[in-house]
Amino acid sequence: MKNAVLILSNKIQLKINKIQCNQNLRFMQLQDLQVFKMFIINGKITQGLDLYPDNEYIIQPLGSTIVVRHIITRQQTFQDLSLITVSRIGNYVASGQTTYMRFQADIIIWDFKDRSVIHRIKLHKILIQSLSFSYNELYLASLGGIDDKNMLIVWDIKAGKALYGTPNRDPVNQVQFYNQSDGKMIAVLNTGVEILTIDKQNKKIQSVDVNFGNFKLTFNCVAIEKNDKFCYCGTKTGDVFEVQMDMVIYKDWHQSKNYFLKELIFQVYYIMVTQQLKQEMV
């Protein structure tokens, strides 16, 4: 009986190790992570929580307000906003807005140190779906919603002016700049993933679809490795695709058999990868 229990225990342990260690995550060992602090966020805002590059501040929306909270002292300051993202170096915070039909949605670029508004820019209608800073803080990519024809716009941060723009045929959930290039981005569509290249000479944004073979899934988020060689694309069913970015093709596929875990696994992984990348890039 003891032998049977021991064998079963070993099988369970092997299965756990396979889930934790066999995901081919080249730049991160999940089993080495330790819980430092835990708190609960309840809300419907996409990109609604971000970690400042010095790993001391958490930035999050609260209603129509942005909260800057120090992790250790718990001191908080408040600024008006909605959807948020933080630049790589940490000089800027950008916020998006959700408005009503026929109204334009604001994008506000903030100076983090002064807690002041640098630019308040308008071109999108009703909704700002996603925001992403380039690694060198020269550009900000913004994504509108369905009512805005899923319009993607690249802004000059210093001038506060739109440089490039293109609509998308399908709903887009997220846009993300590369970690080492201000001329390439990834767009996560419902029906797939696109590698975007900014043609600065002709002022266009060119796109190439990632080849996922016969898979037909709904994609919702992406995390990019530090060296821009691979990215990991998550779906609403919890599946994770490893994509070789230079070849624009998926290399591996990780699937969860438990539906509840399908909703949880990539969200947890995405948060950990995002924080790990920020720590490595400081």
C-alpha atoms as a PDB file:
ATOM      1  CA  MET A   1       0.000   0.000   0.000  1.00  0.00           C
ATOM      2  CA  LYS A   2       2.836   2.378   0.915  1.00  0.00           C
ATOM      3  CA  ASN A   3       4.573   1.611  -2.363  1.00  0.00           C
ATOM      4  CA  ALA A   4       1.386   2.390  -4.286  1.00  0.00           C
ATOM      5  CA  VAL A   5       1.006   5.708  -2.451  1.00  0.00           C
ATOM      6  CA  LEU A   6       4.663   6.511  -3.092  1.00  0.00           C
ATOM      7  CA  ILE A   7       4.329   5.769  -6.814  1.00  0.00           C
ATOM      8  CA  LEU A   8       1.181   7.912  -7.031  1.00  0.00           C
ATOM      9  CA  SER A   9       2.924  10.714  -5.154  1.00  0.00           C
ATOM     10  CA  ASN A  10       5.896  10.513  -7.528  1.00  0.00           C
ATOM     11  CA  LYS A  11       3.585  10.666 -10.552  1.00  0.00           C
ATOM     12  CA  ILE A  12       1.835  13.727  -9.144  1.00  0.00           C
ATOM     13  CA  GLN A  13       5.181  15.369  -8.432  1.00  0.00           C
ATOM     14  CA  LEU A  14       6.410  14.601 -11.945  1.00  0.00           C
ATOM     15  CA  LYS A  15       3.231  16.101 -13.389  1.00  0.00           C
ATOM     16  CA  ILE A  16       3.685  19.243 -11.292  1.00  0.00           C
ATOM     17  CA  ASN A  17       7.316  19.505 -12.374  1.00  0.00           C
ATOM     18  CA  LYS A  18       6.264  19.092 -15.999  1.00  0.00           C
ATOM     19  CA  ILE A  19       3.768  21.946 -15.698  1.00  0.00           C
ATOM     20  CA  GLN A  20       6.252  24.215 -13.916  1.00  0.00           C
ATOM     21  CA  CYS A  21       9.521  23.394 -15.659  1.00  0.00           C
ATOM     22  CA  ASN A  22       8.663  21.930 -19.063  1.00  0.00           C
ATOM     23  CA  GLN A  23       7.030  25.029 -20.537  1.00  0.00           C
ATOM     24  CA  ASN A  24      10.214  25.939 -22.451  1.00  0.00           C
ATOM     25  CA  LEU A  25      10.268  29.430 -20.942  1.00  0.00           C
ATOM     26  CA  ARG A  26      13.894  30.184 -21.794  1.00  0.00           C
ATOM     27  CA  PHE A  27      14.344  33.252 -19.663  1.00  0.00           C
ATOM     28  CA  MET A  28      12.432  32.423 -16.514  1.00  0.00           C
ATOM     29  CA  GLN A  29      12.193  29.632 -13.936  1.00  0.00           C
ATOM     30  CA  LEU A  30       8.735  29.744 -12.377  1.00  0.00           C
ATOM     31  CA  GLN A  31       9.606  27.438  -9.481  1.00  0.00           C
ATOM     32  CA  ASP A  32      12.265  29.899  -8.230  1.00  0.00           C
ATOM     33  CA  LEU A  33       9.763  32.730  -7.729  1.00  0.00           C
ATOM     34  CA  GLN A  34       8.759  33.565  -4.160  1.00  0.00           C
ATOM     35  CA  VAL A  35       5.618  35.433  -3.097  1.00  0.00           C
ATOM     36  CA  PHE A  36       6.585  38.847  -1.695  1.00  0.00           C
ATOM     37  CA  LYS A  37       3.181  40.476  -1.286  1.00  0.00           C
ATOM     38  CA  MET A  38      -0.354  39.629  -2.354  1.00  0.00           C
ATOM     39  CA  PHE A  39      -3.388  41.836  -2.804  1.00  0.00           C
ATOM     40  CA  ILE A  40      -6.656  41.615  -4.729  1.00  0.00           C
ATOM     41  CA  ILE A  41      -7.678  43.829  -7.649  1.00  0.00           C
ATOM     42  CA  ASN A  42     -11.278  43.681  -8.863  1.00  0.00           C
ATOM     43  CA  GLY A  43     -12.083  45.496 -12.098  1.00  0.00           C
ATOM     44  CA  LYS A  44     -12.749  45.249 -15.829  1.00  0.00           C
ATOM     45  CA  ILE A  45     -10.036  47.596 -17.149  1.00  0.00           C
ATOM     46  CA  THR A  46      -7.532  46.046 -19.561  1.00  0.00           C
ATOM     47  CA  GLN A  47      -3.906  46.793 -18.574  1.00  0.00           C
ATOM     48  CA  GLY A  48      -5.285  47.993 -15.254  1.00  0.00           C
ATOM     49  CA  LEU A  49      -2.208  47.297 -13.128  1.00  0.00           C
ATOM     50  CA  ASP A  50       1.424  48.156 -13.787  1.00  0.00           C
ATOM     51  CA  LEU A  51       4.711  48.025 -11.896  1.00  0.00           C
ATOM     52  CA  TYR A  52       7.033  51.033 -12.007  1.00  0.00           C
ATOM     53  CA  PRO A  53      10.598  50.224 -13.223  1.00  0.00           C
ATOM     54  CA  ASP A  54      12.157  50.821  -9.777  1.00  0.00           C
ATOM     55  CA  ASN A  55       9.907  48.028  -8.391  1.00  0.00           C
ATOM     56  CA  GLU A  56       8.711  50.323  -5.587  1.00  0.00           C
ATOM     57  CA  TYR A  57       5.454  51.694  -6.986  1.00  0.00           C
ATOM     58  CA  ILE A  58       2.250  50.093  -8.228  1.00  0.00           C
ATOM     59  CA  ILE A  59       0.137  52.143 -10.621  1.00  0.00           C
ATOM     60  CA  GLN A  60      -3.542  51.302 -11.067  1.00  0.00           C
ATOM     61  CA  PRO A  61      -6.848  52.957 -12.022  1.00  0.00           C
ATOM     62  CA  LEU A  62      -9.574  53.475  -9.446  1.00  0.00           C
ATOM     63  CA  GLY A  63     -12.767  54.675 -11.108  1.00  0.00           C
ATOM     64  CA  SER A  64     -11.747  57.812 -13.004  1.00  0.00           C
ATOM     65  CA  THR A  65      -8.552  58.186 -10.981  1.00  0.00           C
ATOM     66  CA  ILE A  66      -5.031  56.810 -11.296  1.00  0.00           C
ATOM     67  CA  VAL A  67      -3.475  55.638  -8.036  1.00  0.00           C
ATOM     68  CA  VAL A  68       0.298  55.648  -7.469  1.00  0.00           C
ATOM     69  CA  ARG A  69       0.959  53.432  -4.440  1.00  0.00           C
ATOM     70  CA  HIS A  70       4.304  52.777  -2.758  1.00  0.00           C
ATOM     71  CA  ILE A  71       4.573  49.041  -2.109  1.00  0.00           C
ATOM     72  CA  ILE A  72       6.397  49.312   1.232  1.00  0.00           C
ATOM     73  CA  THR A  73       5.076  52.516   2.828  1.00  0.00           C
ATOM     74  CA  ARG A  74       1.606  52.204   1.213  1.00  0.00           C
ATOM     75  CA  GLN A  75       1.625  55.948   0.583  1.00  0.00           C
ATOM     76  CA  GLN A  76      -0.714  56.861  -2.299  1.00  0.00           C
ATOM     77  CA  THR A  77      -1.171  59.791  -4.651  1.00  0.00           C
ATOM     78  CA  PHE A  78      -4.071  60.227  -7.069  1.00  0.00           C
ATOM     79  CA  GLN A  79      -4.379  61.539 -10.631  1.00  0.00           C
ATOM     80  CA  ASP A  80      -7.356  61.528 -13.028  1.00  0.00           C
ATOM     81  CA  LEU A  81      -7.307  58.722 -15.670  1.00  0.00           C
ATOM     82  CA  SER A  82      -8.444  55.292 -16.944  1.00  0.00           C
ATOM     83  CA  LEU A  83      -6.308  52.718 -18.878  1.00  0.00           C
ATOM     84  CA  ILE A  84      -2.615  52.962 -17.978  1.00  0.00           C
ATOM     85  CA  THR A  85       0.885  51.937 -19.058  1.00  0.00           C
ATOM     86  CA  VAL A  86       4.380  52.917 -17.877  1.00  0.00           C
ATOM     87  CA  SER A  87       7.384  53.678 -20.085  1.00  0.00           C
ATOM     88  CA  ARG A  88      10.521  51.531 -19.902  1.00  0.00           C
ATOM     89  CA  ILE A  89      12.730  54.115 -18.188  1.00  0.00           C
ATOM     90  CA  GLY A  90       9.876  55.364 -16.047  1.00  0.00           C
ATOM     91  CA  ASN A  91       9.709  59.013 -17.082  1.00  0.00           C
ATOM     92  CA  TYR A  92       6.199  58.720 -18.507  1.00  0.00           C
ATOM     93  CA  VAL A  93       2.837  57.238 -17.665  1.00  0.00           C
ATOM     94  CA  ALA A  94       0.132  57.154 -20.331  1.00  0.00           C
ATOM     95  CA  SER A  95      -3.575  56.802 -19.636  1.00  0.00           C
ATOM     96  CA  GLY A  96      -6.513  56.036 -21.895  1.00  0.00           C
ATOM     97  CA  GLN A  97     -10.179  56.877 -21.596  1.00  0.00           C
ATOM     98  CA  THR A  98     -13.545  55.290 -22.309  1.00  0.00           C
ATOM     99  CA  THR A  99     -16.270  57.729 -23.354  1.00  0.00           C
ATOM    100  CA  TYR A 100     -19.688  57.603 -25.002  1.00  0.00           C
ATOM    101  CA  MET A 101     -20.922  57.321 -28.575  1.00  0.00           C
ATOM    102  CA  ARG A 102     -19.767  60.156 -30.870  1.00  0.00           C
ATOM    103  CA  PHE A 103     -17.235  61.396 -28.272  1.00  0.00           C
ATOM    104  CA  GLN A 104     -13.462  61.274 -28.659  1.00  0.00           C
ATOM    105  CA  ALA A 105     -11.410  59.409 -26.067  1.00  0.00           C
ATOM    106  CA  ASP A 106      -8.445  61.210 -24.501  1.00  0.00           C
ATOM    107  CA  ILE A 107      -4.915  59.879 -24.220  1.00  0.00           C
ATOM    108  CA  ILE A 108      -2.997  61.635 -21.460  1.00  0.00           C
ATOM    109  CA  ILE A 109       0.783  61.449 -21.223  1.00  0.00           C
ATOM    110  CA  TRP A 110       1.975  62.183 -17.700  1.00  0.00           C
ATOM    111  CA  ASP A 111       5.340  63.178 -16.259  1.00  0.00           C
ATOM    112  CA  PHE A 112       5.678  60.635 -13.465  1.00  0.00           C
ATOM    113  CA  LYS A 113       8.101  62.611 -11.270  1.00  0.00           C
ATOM    114  CA  ASP A 114       6.089  65.843 -11.385  1.00  0.00           C
ATOM    115  CA  ARG A 115       2.685  64.053 -11.527  1.00  0.00           C
ATOM    116  CA  SER A 116       1.808  66.580 -14.258  1.00  0.00           C
ATOM    117  CA  VAL A 117       0.157  66.341 -17.678  1.00  0.00           C
ATOM    118  CA  ILE A 118       2.539  66.683 -20.645  1.00  0.00           C
ATOM    119  CA  HIS A 119       0.069  66.064 -23.478  1.00  0.00           C
ATOM    120  CA  ARG A 120      -3.660  65.473 -23.783  1.00  0.00           C
ATOM    121  CA  ILE A 121      -4.224  64.075 -27.290  1.00  0.00           C
ATOM    122  CA  LYS A 122      -7.382  63.097 -29.161  1.00  0.00           C
ATOM    123  CA  LEU A 123      -7.980  61.071 -32.308  1.00  0.00           C
ATOM    124  CA  HIS A 124      -9.633  57.833 -31.171  1.00  0.00           C
ATOM    125  CA  LYS A 125     -13.370  57.455 -30.736  1.00  0.00           C
ATOM    126  CA  ILE A 126     -15.113  56.085 -27.629  1.00  0.00           C
ATOM    127  CA  LEU A 127     -12.368  53.715 -26.399  1.00  0.00           C
ATOM    128  CA  ILE A 128      -8.612  53.405 -25.937  1.00  0.00           C
ATOM    129  CA  GLN A 129      -8.047  49.648 -26.108  1.00  0.00           C
ATOM    130  CA  SER A 130      -4.277  49.458 -25.558  1.00  0.00           C
ATOM    131  CA  LEU A 131      -1.183  51.633 -25.077  1.00  0.00           C
ATOM    132  CA  SER A 132       2.533  50.841 -25.418  1.00  0.00           C
ATOM    133  CA  PHE A 133       5.710  52.940 -25.133  1.00  0.00           C
ATOM    134  CA  SER A 134       8.756  52.282 -27.297  1.00  0.00           C
ATOM    135  CA  TYR A 135      11.842  51.186 -25.377  1.00  0.00           C
ATOM    136  CA  ASN A 136      13.576  54.572 -25.879  1.00  0.00           C
ATOM    137  CA  GLU A 137      10.497  56.610 -24.875  1.00  0.00           C
ATOM    138  CA  LEU A 138      10.310  58.336 -28.276  1.00  0.00           C
ATOM    139  CA  TYR A 139       6.972  56.872 -29.374  1.00  0.00           C
ATOM    140  CA  LEU A 140       3.634  55.817 -27.946  1.00  0.00           C
ATOM    141  CA  ALA A 141       1.397  53.351 -29.762  1.00  0.00           C
ATOM    142  CA  SER A 142      -2.336  53.618 -29.115  1.00  0.00           C
ATOM    143  CA  LEU A 143      -5.144  51.314 -30.175  1.00  0.00           C
ATOM    144  CA  GLY A 144      -8.799  52.196 -30.583  1.00  0.00           C
ATOM    145  CA  GLY A 145     -11.831  49.932 -30.375  1.00  0.00           C
ATOM    146  CA  ILE A 146     -14.357  48.523 -32.819  1.00  0.00           C
ATOM    147  CA  ASP A 147     -16.152  51.875 -33.198  1.00  0.00           C
ATOM    148  CA  ASP A 148     -12.802  53.389 -34.173  1.00  0.00           C
ATOM    149  CA  LYS A 149     -12.176  50.710 -36.872  1.00  0.00           C
ATOM    150  CA  ASN A 150      -9.528  49.263 -34.536  1.00  0.00           C
ATOM    151  CA  MET A 151      -7.282  52.172 -35.456  1.00  0.00           C
ATOM    152  CA  LEU A 152      -3.602  51.924 -34.501  1.00  0.00           C
ATOM    153  CA  ILE A 153      -1.734  55.228 -34.139  1.00  0.00           C
ATOM    154  CA  VAL A 154       1.931  55.895 -33.341  1.00  0.00           C
ATOM    155  CA  TRP A 155       2.571  59.213 -31.575  1.00  0.00           C
ATOM    156  CA  ASP A 156       5.658  61.398 -31.193  1.00  0.00           C
ATOM    157  CA  ILE A 157       5.860  61.777 -27.403  1.00  0.00           C
ATOM    158  CA  LYS A 158       7.809  65.043 -27.308  1.00  0.00           C
ATOM    159  CA  ALA A 159       5.631  66.778 -29.911  1.00  0.00           C
ATOM    160  CA  GLY A 160       2.372  65.080 -28.931  1.00  0.00           C
ATOM    161  CA  LYS A 161       1.527  64.537 -32.617  1.00  0.00           C
ATOM    162  CA  ALA A 162       0.393  61.491 -34.580  1.00  0.00           C
ATOM    163  CA  LEU A 163       3.045  60.137 -36.970  1.00  0.00           C
ATOM    164  CA  TYR A 164       1.575  56.942 -38.434  1.00  0.00           C
ATOM    165  CA  GLY A 165      -1.797  55.253 -38.391  1.00  0.00           C
ATOM    166  CA  THR A 166      -3.626  52.262 -39.817  1.00  0.00           C
ATOM    167  CA  PRO A 167      -7.029  50.599 -39.270  1.00  0.00           C
ATOM    168  CA  ASN A 168      -7.373  46.854 -38.664  1.00  0.00           C
ATOM    169  CA  ARG A 169      -9.806  44.444 -40.258  1.00  0.00           C
ATOM    170  CA  ASP A 170     -10.464  42.528 -37.017  1.00  0.00           C
ATOM    171  CA  PRO A 171     -10.866  43.529 -33.358  1.00  0.00           C
ATOM    172  CA  VAL A 172      -7.461  44.036 -31.720  1.00  0.00           C
ATOM    173  CA  ASN A 173      -6.909  43.384 -28.004  1.00  0.00           C
ATOM    174  CA  GLN A 174      -3.346  44.580 -27.454  1.00  0.00           C
ATOM    175  CA  VAL A 175      -0.410  46.284 -29.145  1.00  0.00           C
ATOM    176  CA  GLN A 176       3.139  45.986 -27.832  1.00  0.00           C
ATOM    177  CA  PHE A 177       6.446  47.530 -28.949  1.00  0.00           C
ATOM    178  CA  TYR A 178       9.524  45.313 -29.236  1.00  0.00           C
ATOM    179  CA  ASN A 179      12.021  45.547 -26.369  1.00  0.00           C
ATOM    180  CA  GLN A 180      14.965  46.595 -28.548  1.00  0.00           C
ATOM    181  CA  SER A 181      13.369  48.323 -31.525  1.00  0.00           C
ATOM    182  CA  ASP A 182      11.143  51.379 -31.896  1.00  0.00           C
ATOM    183  CA  GLY A 183      10.182  50.346 -35.429  1.00  0.00           C
ATOM    184  CA  LYS A 184       8.489  47.005 -34.721  1.00  0.00           C
ATOM    185  CA  MET A 185       5.395  46.016 -32.755  1.00  0.00           C
ATOM    186  CA  ILE A 186       3.098  43.068 -32.133  1.00  0.00           C
ATOM    187  CA  ALA A 187      -0.660  43.363 -32.480  1.00  0.00           C
ATOM    188  CA  VAL A 188      -2.895  40.757 -30.834  1.00  0.00           C
ATOM    189  CA  LEU A 189      -6.086  40.309 -32.853  1.00  0.00           C
ATOM    190  CA  ASN A 190      -9.045  38.142 -31.923  1.00  0.00           C
ATOM    191  CA  THR A 191      -8.230  35.871 -34.847  1.00  0.00           C
ATOM    192  CA  GLY A 192      -4.431  35.883 -34.706  1.00  0.00           C
ATOM    193  CA  VAL A 193      -1.236  37.841 -34.131  1.00  0.00           C
ATOM    194  CA  GLU A 194       0.521  40.303 -36.443  1.00  0.00           C
ATOM    195  CA  ILE A 195       4.127  41.505 -36.577  1.00  0.00           C
ATOM    196  CA  LEU A 196       4.034  45.216 -37.436  1.00  0.00           C
ATOM    197  CA  THR A 197       6.866  47.197 -39.022  1.00  0.00           C
ATOM    198  CA  ILE A 198       6.857  50.995 -39.206  1.00  0.00           C
ATOM    199  CA  ASP A 199       7.901  52.218 -42.655  1.00  0.00           C
ATOM    200  CA  LYS A 200       9.141  55.657 -41.630  1.00  0.00           C
ATOM    201  CA  GLN A 201      10.102  56.675 -45.157  1.00  0.00           C
ATOM    202  CA  ASN A 202       6.628  56.070 -46.616  1.00  0.00           C
ATOM    203  CA  LYS A 203       4.826  56.759 -43.312  1.00  0.00           C
ATOM    204  CA  LYS A 204       3.041  53.414 -43.300  1.00  0.00           C
ATOM    205  CA  ILE A 205       2.641  50.476 -40.949  1.00  0.00           C
ATOM    206  CA  GLN A 206       3.163  47.116 -42.641  1.00  0.00           C
ATOM    207  CA  SER A 207       1.873  43.865 -41.150  1.00  0.00           C
ATOM    208  CA  VAL A 208       2.692  40.148 -41.434  1.00  0.00           C
ATOM    209  CA  ASP A 209       0.437  37.463 -39.948  1.00  0.00           C
ATOM    210  CA  VAL A 210       2.001  34.894 -37.621  1.00  0.00           C
ATOM    211  CA  ASN A 211       1.516  31.367 -38.977  1.00  0.00           C
ATOM    212  CA  PHE A 212      -0.440  29.286 -36.421  1.00  0.00           C
ATOM    213  CA  GLY A 213      -1.191  26.448 -38.821  1.00  0.00           C
ATOM    214  CA  ASN A 214      -4.704  25.030 -38.417  1.00  0.00           C
ATOM    215  CA  PHE A 215      -5.323  26.510 -34.963  1.00  0.00           C
ATOM    216  CA  LYS A 216      -8.467  28.648 -34.694  1.00  0.00           C
ATOM    217  CA  LEU A 217      -8.408  30.379 -31.299  1.00  0.00           C
ATOM    218  CA  THR A 218      -9.184  33.778 -29.828  1.00  0.00           C
ATOM    219  CA  PHE A 219      -5.980  35.553 -28.772  1.00  0.00           C
ATOM    220  CA  ASN A 220      -5.992  38.165 -26.020  1.00  0.00           C
ATOM    221  CA  CYS A 221      -2.466  39.046 -24.794  1.00  0.00           C
ATOM    222  CA  VAL A 222       1.263  38.749 -25.455  1.00  0.00           C
ATOM    223  CA  ALA A 223       4.565  38.837 -23.527  1.00  0.00           C
ATOM    224  CA  ILE A 224       7.862  39.423 -25.373  1.00  0.00           C
ATOM    225  CA  GLU A 225      11.280  38.081 -24.387  1.00  0.00           C
ATOM    226  CA  LYS A 226      14.024  40.565 -23.588  1.00  0.00           C
ATOM    227  CA  ASN A 227      16.001  39.823 -26.759  1.00  0.00           C
ATOM    228  CA  ASP A 228      12.948  39.985 -29.063  1.00  0.00           C
ATOM    229  CA  LYS A 229      13.589  36.482 -30.410  1.00  0.00           C
ATOM    230  CA  PHE A 230      10.473  34.865 -28.976  1.00  0.00           C
ATOM    231  CA  CYS A 231       7.114  35.982 -27.687  1.00  0.00           C
ATOM    232  CA  TYR A 232       4.358  34.122 -25.866  1.00  0.00           C
ATOM    233  CA  CYS A 233       0.772  34.624 -27.030  1.00  0.00           C
ATOM    234  CA  GLY A 234      -2.140  33.794 -24.732  1.00  0.00           C
ATOM    235  CA  THR A 235      -5.682  32.834 -25.704  1.00  0.00           C
ATOM    236  CA  LYS A 236      -9.021  33.113 -23.922  1.00  0.00           C
ATOM    237  CA  THR A 237      -8.947  29.351 -23.383  1.00  0.00           C
ATOM    238  CA  GLY A 238      -5.597  29.533 -21.589  1.00  0.00           C
ATOM    239  CA  ASP A 239      -3.434  28.054 -24.357  1.00  0.00           C
ATOM    240  CA  VAL A 240       0.034  29.599 -24.738  1.00  0.00           C
ATOM    241  CA  PHE A 241       1.835  29.752 -28.097  1.00  0.00           C
ATOM    242  CA  GLU A 242       5.578  30.324 -28.333  1.00  0.00           C
ATOM    243  CA  VAL A 243       6.308  32.366 -31.475  1.00  0.00           C
ATOM    244  CA  GLN A 244       9.696  32.769 -33.167  1.00  0.00           C
ATOM    245  CA  MET A 245       9.445  36.412 -34.096  1.00  0.00           C
ATOM    246  CA  ASP A 246      12.005  36.629 -36.901  1.00  0.00           C
ATOM    247  CA  MET A 247      10.417  33.634 -38.710  1.00  0.00           C
ATOM    248  CA  VAL A 248       6.842  34.784 -37.874  1.00  0.00           C
ATOM    249  CA  ILE A 249       5.760  31.245 -36.984  1.00  0.00           C
ATOM    250  CA  TYR A 250       4.775  29.458 -33.792  1.00  0.00           C
ATOM    251  CA  LYS A 251       7.345  26.993 -32.439  1.00  0.00           C
ATOM    252  CA  ASP A 252       5.536  25.412 -29.518  1.00  0.00           C
ATOM    253  CA  TRP A 253       2.087  25.129 -27.973  1.00  0.00           C
ATOM    254  CA  HIS A 254       1.165  24.598 -24.335  1.00  0.00           C
ATOM    255  CA  GLN A 255      -2.363  23.553 -23.404  1.00  0.00           C
ATOM    256  CA  SER A 256      -4.187  23.222 -20.114  1.00  0.00           C
ATOM    257  CA  LYS A 257      -6.785  20.468 -19.753  1.00  0.00           C
ATOM    258  CA  ASN A 258      -8.519  22.147 -16.829  1.00  0.00           C
ATOM    259  CA  TYR A 259     -10.859  24.946 -17.976  1.00  0.00           C
ATOM    260  CA  PHE A 260     -10.519  26.973 -14.779  1.00  0.00           C
ATOM    261  CA  LEU A 261      -6.740  26.855 -15.074  1.00  0.00           C
ATOM    262  CA  LYS A 262      -7.061  27.919 -18.704  1.00  0.00           C
ATOM    263  CA  GLU A 263      -8.416  31.247 -17.505  1.00  0.00           C
ATOM    264  CA  LEU A 264      -5.755  31.586 -14.814  1.00  0.00           C
ATOM    265  CA  ILE A 265      -2.470  30.176 -16.105  1.00  0.00           C
ATOM    266  CA  PHE A 266      -1.600  32.752 -18.756  1.00  0.00           C
ATOM    267  CA  GLN A 267      -2.786  35.710 -16.699  1.00  0.00           C
ATOM    268  CA  VAL A 268      -0.460  34.718 -13.846  1.00  0.00           C
ATOM    269  CA  TYR A 269       2.338  33.905 -16.293  1.00  0.00           C
ATOM    270  CA  TYR A 270       1.834  37.200 -18.128  1.00  0.00           C
ATOM    271  CA  ILE A 271       2.079  39.245 -14.914  1.00  0.00           C
ATOM    272  CA  MET A 272       5.214  37.388 -13.781  1.00  0.00           C
ATOM    273  CA  VAL A 273       6.904  37.676 -17.176  1.00  0.00           C
ATOM    274  CA  THR A 274       6.074  41.383 -17.427  1.00  0.00           C
ATOM    275  CA  GLN A 275       7.522  42.090 -13.992  1.00  0.00           C
ATOM    276  CA  GLN A 276      10.584  39.908 -14.670  1.00  0.00           C
ATOM    277  CA  LEU A 277      11.279  41.721 -17.956  1.00  0.00           C
ATOM    278  CA  LYS A 278      10.997  45.121 -16.263  1.00  0.00           C
ATOM    279  CA  GLN A 279      13.455  44.056 -13.556  1.00  0.00           C
ATOM    280  CA  GLU A 280      15.950  42.775 -16.137  1.00  0.00           C
ATOM    281  CA  MET A 281      15.725  45.903 -18.279  1.00  0.00           C
ATOM    282  CA  VAL A 282      16.358  48.478 -15.554  1.00  0.00           C
END
